[in-house]
């Protein structure tokens, strides 16, 4: 099981700015549509490893990137892969 931090934003501008700022700082965020489990005013969020959430929040704050919330998101990728069908 992998635990991620989902960082939501007030609008798309901040979601895209976050991606740019984090990549410049050497981080590798994944910009994804906001999962159904979470609510947001923006349709995009950043997905990072849970262990990096505090450092990422600090980087965003230092660079004036406003974010809405940070959510914990647990994913079992192995189980999800097994559920998918593959036609040969």
N, C-alpha and C. Protein backbone atom coordinates (compact mmCIF):
# COMPACT_ATOMS: atom_id res chain seq x y z
N UNK A 1 0.84 -1.17 0.00
CA UNK A 1 0.00 0.00 0.00
C UNK A 1 0.89 1.24 0.00
N UNK A 2 0.52 2.20 -0.83
CA UNK A 2 1.24 3.46 -0.91
C UNK A 2 0.35 4.57 -0.37
N UNK A 3 0.93 5.46 0.41
CA UNK A 3 0.17 6.58 0.96
C UNK A 3 0.66 7.86 0.29
N UNK A 4 -0.31 8.60 -0.25
CA UNK A 4 -0.01 9.85 -0.94
C UNK A 4 -0.61 11.02 -0.19
N UNK A 5 -0.09 12.20 -0.47
CA UNK A 5 -0.71 13.45 -0.03
C UNK A 5 -1.33 14.06 -1.28
N UNK A 6 -2.61 14.37 -1.19
CA UNK A 6 -3.32 15.05 -2.27
C UNK A 6 -3.45 16.51 -1.84
N UNK A 7 -2.87 17.39 -2.63
CA UNK A 7 -2.89 18.82 -2.32
C UNK A 7 -3.85 19.49 -3.29
N UNK A 8 -4.93 20.05 -2.75
CA UNK A 8 -5.92 20.70 -3.60
C UNK A 8 -5.70 22.21 -3.61
N UNK A 9 -6.23 22.84 -4.67
CA UNK A 9 -6.02 24.27 -4.89
C UNK A 9 -7.35 24.97 -5.15
N UNK A 10 -7.34 26.29 -5.00
CA UNK A 10 -8.56 27.08 -5.22
C UNK A 10 -8.88 27.23 -6.71
N UNK A 11 -7.85 27.20 -7.55
CA UNK A 11 -8.10 27.31 -8.98
C UNK A 11 -6.94 26.69 -9.77
N UNK A 12 -7.14 26.57 -11.08
CA UNK A 12 -6.17 25.92 -11.95
C UNK A 12 -4.84 26.68 -11.99
N UNK A 13 -4.90 27.99 -11.89
CA UNK A 13 -3.68 28.80 -11.89
C UNK A 13 -2.70 28.32 -10.81
N UNK A 14 -3.21 28.13 -9.60
CA UNK A 14 -2.34 27.71 -8.50
C UNK A 14 -1.89 26.26 -8.67
N UNK A 15 -2.72 25.41 -9.24
CA UNK A 15 -2.32 24.01 -9.49
C UNK A 15 -1.14 23.95 -10.46
N UNK A 16 -1.21 24.74 -11.52
CA UNK A 16 -0.12 24.76 -12.50
C UNK A 16 1.13 25.46 -11.95
N UNK A 17 0.92 26.51 -11.17
CA UNK A 17 2.06 27.20 -10.54
C UNK A 17 2.77 26.26 -9.56
N UNK A 18 2.00 25.48 -8.82
CA UNK A 18 2.58 24.52 -7.87
C UNK A 18 3.46 23.51 -8.60
N UNK A 19 2.97 22.99 -9.71
CA UNK A 19 3.75 22.03 -10.48
C UNK A 19 5.09 22.63 -10.90
N UNK A 20 5.05 23.87 -11.40
CA UNK A 20 6.26 24.54 -11.87
C UNK A 20 7.24 24.79 -10.72
N UNK A 21 6.73 25.30 -9.60
CA UNK A 21 7.56 25.61 -8.43
C UNK A 21 8.19 24.34 -7.86
N UNK A 22 7.40 23.28 -7.74
CA UNK A 22 7.92 22.04 -7.16
C UNK A 22 8.95 21.38 -8.06
N UNK A 23 8.72 21.42 -9.38
CA UNK A 23 9.71 20.85 -10.30
C UNK A 23 11.02 21.63 -10.25
N UNK A 24 10.94 22.96 -10.11
CA UNK A 24 12.16 23.77 -10.00
C UNK A 24 12.94 23.42 -8.73
N UNK A 25 12.24 23.02 -7.69
CA UNK A 25 12.90 22.69 -6.42
C UNK A 25 13.39 21.24 -6.39
N UNK A 26 13.23 20.52 -7.50
CA UNK A 26 13.73 19.14 -7.58
C UNK A 26 12.72 18.08 -7.17
N UNK A 27 11.50 18.48 -6.89
CA UNK A 27 10.44 17.52 -6.53
C UNK A 27 9.75 17.05 -7.80
N UNK A 28 9.06 15.92 -7.69
CA UNK A 28 8.37 15.37 -8.85
C UNK A 28 6.89 15.16 -8.53
N UNK A 29 6.12 16.26 -8.51
CA UNK A 29 4.70 16.11 -8.23
C UNK A 29 3.98 15.55 -9.45
N UNK A 30 2.88 14.89 -9.21
CA UNK A 30 2.04 14.43 -10.31
C UNK A 30 0.77 15.27 -10.26
N UNK A 31 0.46 15.95 -11.34
CA UNK A 31 -0.77 16.74 -11.41
C UNK A 31 -1.85 15.84 -11.99
N UNK A 32 -2.90 15.63 -11.20
CA UNK A 32 -3.97 14.71 -11.58
C UNK A 32 -5.33 15.37 -11.34
N UNK A 33 -6.40 14.83 -11.95
CA UNK A 33 -7.73 15.31 -11.59
C UNK A 33 -8.00 15.01 -10.11
N UNK A 34 -8.73 15.87 -9.45
CA UNK A 34 -9.03 15.66 -8.03
C UNK A 34 -9.84 14.37 -7.88
N UNK A 35 -9.39 13.44 -7.04
CA UNK A 35 -10.15 12.20 -6.81
C UNK A 35 -11.54 12.50 -6.25
N UNK A 36 -12.48 11.64 -6.55
CA UNK A 36 -13.87 11.84 -6.12
C UNK A 36 -14.01 11.94 -4.61
N UNK A 37 -13.09 11.31 -3.87
CA UNK A 37 -13.18 11.32 -2.42
C UNK A 37 -13.01 12.71 -1.82
N UNK A 38 -12.40 13.62 -2.58
CA UNK A 38 -12.08 14.94 -2.06
C UNK A 38 -12.82 16.01 -2.83
N UNK A 39 -13.09 17.09 -2.16
CA UNK A 39 -13.79 18.21 -2.78
C UNK A 39 -12.80 19.33 -3.04
N UNK A 40 -13.00 20.05 -4.11
CA UNK A 40 -12.12 21.16 -4.42
C UNK A 40 -12.81 22.11 -5.38
N UNK A 41 -12.42 23.36 -5.34
CA UNK A 41 -12.94 24.33 -6.29
C UNK A 41 -12.26 24.17 -7.66
N UNK A 42 -11.10 23.55 -7.66
CA UNK A 42 -10.32 23.35 -8.88
C UNK A 42 -10.40 21.88 -9.27
N UNK A 43 -10.28 21.59 -10.54
CA UNK A 43 -10.36 20.21 -11.01
C UNK A 43 -9.05 19.46 -10.93
N UNK A 44 -7.95 20.13 -10.58
CA UNK A 44 -6.64 19.49 -10.54
C UNK A 44 -6.04 19.56 -9.15
N UNK A 45 -5.16 18.60 -8.87
CA UNK A 45 -4.46 18.58 -7.59
C UNK A 45 -3.05 18.04 -7.83
N UNK A 46 -2.22 18.15 -6.82
CA UNK A 46 -0.88 17.57 -6.86
C UNK A 46 -0.87 16.32 -6.00
N UNK A 47 -0.26 15.27 -6.53
CA UNK A 47 -0.12 14.01 -5.79
C UNK A 47 1.35 13.80 -5.50
N UNK A 48 1.70 13.70 -4.21
CA UNK A 48 3.07 13.48 -3.78
C UNK A 48 3.07 12.40 -2.71
N UNK A 49 4.22 11.87 -2.40
CA UNK A 49 4.30 10.89 -1.33
C UNK A 49 3.98 11.54 0.01
N UNK A 50 3.29 10.82 0.87
CA UNK A 50 2.85 11.35 2.16
C UNK A 50 4.03 11.88 2.98
N UNK A 51 5.17 11.19 2.91
CA UNK A 51 6.33 11.58 3.70
C UNK A 51 6.87 12.96 3.30
N UNK A 52 6.57 13.40 2.08
CA UNK A 52 7.09 14.67 1.58
C UNK A 52 6.13 15.84 1.80
N UNK A 53 4.97 15.59 2.38
CA UNK A 53 3.92 16.61 2.44
C UNK A 53 4.34 17.88 3.17
N UNK A 54 5.06 17.76 4.27
CA UNK A 54 5.45 18.95 5.03
C UNK A 54 6.46 19.80 4.25
N UNK A 55 7.45 19.15 3.65
CA UNK A 55 8.44 19.87 2.86
C UNK A 55 7.79 20.54 1.65
N UNK A 56 6.86 19.85 1.02
CA UNK A 56 6.16 20.40 -0.15
C UNK A 56 5.31 21.60 0.27
N UNK A 57 4.59 21.48 1.38
CA UNK A 57 3.76 22.59 1.86
C UNK A 57 4.64 23.81 2.16
N UNK A 58 5.81 23.58 2.72
CA UNK A 58 6.73 24.69 3.00
C UNK A 58 7.19 25.37 1.71
N UNK A 59 7.53 24.57 0.70
CA UNK A 59 7.98 25.12 -0.59
C UNK A 59 6.86 25.95 -1.22
N UNK A 60 5.63 25.43 -1.19
CA UNK A 60 4.51 26.15 -1.77
C UNK A 60 4.27 27.47 -1.03
N UNK A 61 4.32 27.44 0.29
CA UNK A 61 4.11 28.64 1.08
C UNK A 61 5.20 29.68 0.82
N UNK A 62 6.44 29.23 0.77
CA UNK A 62 7.57 30.14 0.51
C UNK A 62 7.47 30.82 -0.85
N UNK A 63 6.82 30.14 -1.80
CA UNK A 63 6.71 30.67 -3.16
C UNK A 63 5.33 31.27 -3.45
N UNK A 64 4.59 31.55 -2.40
CA UNK A 64 3.27 32.19 -2.51
C UNK A 64 2.28 31.43 -3.39
N UNK A 65 2.32 30.11 -3.28
CA UNK A 65 1.36 29.27 -4.00
C UNK A 65 0.29 28.86 -2.99
N UNK A 66 -0.89 29.44 -3.14
CA UNK A 66 -1.99 29.15 -2.20
C UNK A 66 -2.58 27.78 -2.50
N UNK A 67 -2.69 26.96 -1.48
CA UNK A 67 -3.35 25.66 -1.64
C UNK A 67 -4.50 25.57 -0.65
N UNK A 68 -5.46 24.74 -1.00
CA UNK A 68 -6.69 24.63 -0.22
C UNK A 68 -6.52 23.69 0.97
N UNK A 69 -6.10 22.45 0.71
CA UNK A 69 -6.00 21.45 1.77
C UNK A 69 -5.03 20.35 1.35
N UNK A 70 -4.60 19.56 2.35
CA UNK A 70 -3.76 18.38 2.12
C UNK A 70 -4.52 17.19 2.69
N UNK A 71 -4.77 16.19 1.83
CA UNK A 71 -5.51 15.00 2.22
C UNK A 71 -4.61 13.77 2.17
N UNK A 72 -4.90 12.81 3.01
CA UNK A 72 -4.19 11.52 3.00
C UNK A 72 -4.97 10.59 2.09
N UNK A 73 -4.26 9.94 1.14
CA UNK A 73 -4.90 9.07 0.16
C UNK A 73 -4.13 7.75 0.10
N UNK A 74 -4.75 6.67 0.54
CA UNK A 74 -4.11 5.36 0.55
C UNK A 74 -4.53 4.59 -0.69
N UNK A 75 -3.54 4.05 -1.38
CA UNK A 75 -3.80 3.31 -2.62
C UNK A 75 -3.10 1.96 -2.58
N UNK A 76 -3.81 0.93 -3.00
CA UNK A 76 -3.23 -0.40 -3.13
C UNK A 76 -3.12 -0.69 -4.63
N UNK A 77 -2.00 -0.26 -5.23
CA UNK A 77 -1.83 -0.37 -6.67
C UNK A 77 -1.85 -1.82 -7.16
N UNK A 78 -1.30 -2.74 -6.37
CA UNK A 78 -1.29 -4.15 -6.78
C UNK A 78 -2.71 -4.68 -6.93
N UNK A 79 -3.57 -4.36 -5.98
CA UNK A 79 -4.95 -4.81 -6.04
C UNK A 79 -5.68 -4.15 -7.21
N UNK A 80 -5.41 -2.89 -7.46
CA UNK A 80 -6.06 -2.20 -8.57
C UNK A 80 -5.64 -2.77 -9.91
N UNK A 81 -4.37 -3.16 -10.05
CA UNK A 81 -3.90 -3.78 -11.29
C UNK A 81 -4.57 -5.11 -11.52
N UNK A 82 -4.78 -5.88 -10.47
CA UNK A 82 -5.40 -7.20 -10.59
C UNK A 82 -6.86 -7.10 -11.04
N UNK A 83 -7.53 -6.01 -10.67
CA UNK A 83 -8.93 -5.83 -11.03
C UNK A 83 -9.12 -5.45 -12.49
N UNK A 84 -8.10 -4.92 -13.12
CA UNK A 84 -8.22 -4.49 -14.52
C UNK A 84 -8.13 -5.69 -15.45
N UNK A 85 -8.91 -5.63 -16.51
CA UNK A 85 -8.91 -6.69 -17.51
C UNK A 85 -7.90 -6.37 -18.59
N UNK A 86 -7.28 -7.39 -19.06
CA UNK A 86 -6.35 -7.21 -20.17
C UNK A 86 -6.68 -8.23 -21.24
N UNK A 87 -6.99 -7.76 -22.44
CA UNK A 87 -7.33 -8.65 -23.52
C UNK A 87 -6.07 -8.94 -24.33
N UNK A 88 -5.89 -10.19 -24.65
CA UNK A 88 -4.69 -10.61 -25.37
C UNK A 88 -5.05 -10.97 -26.79
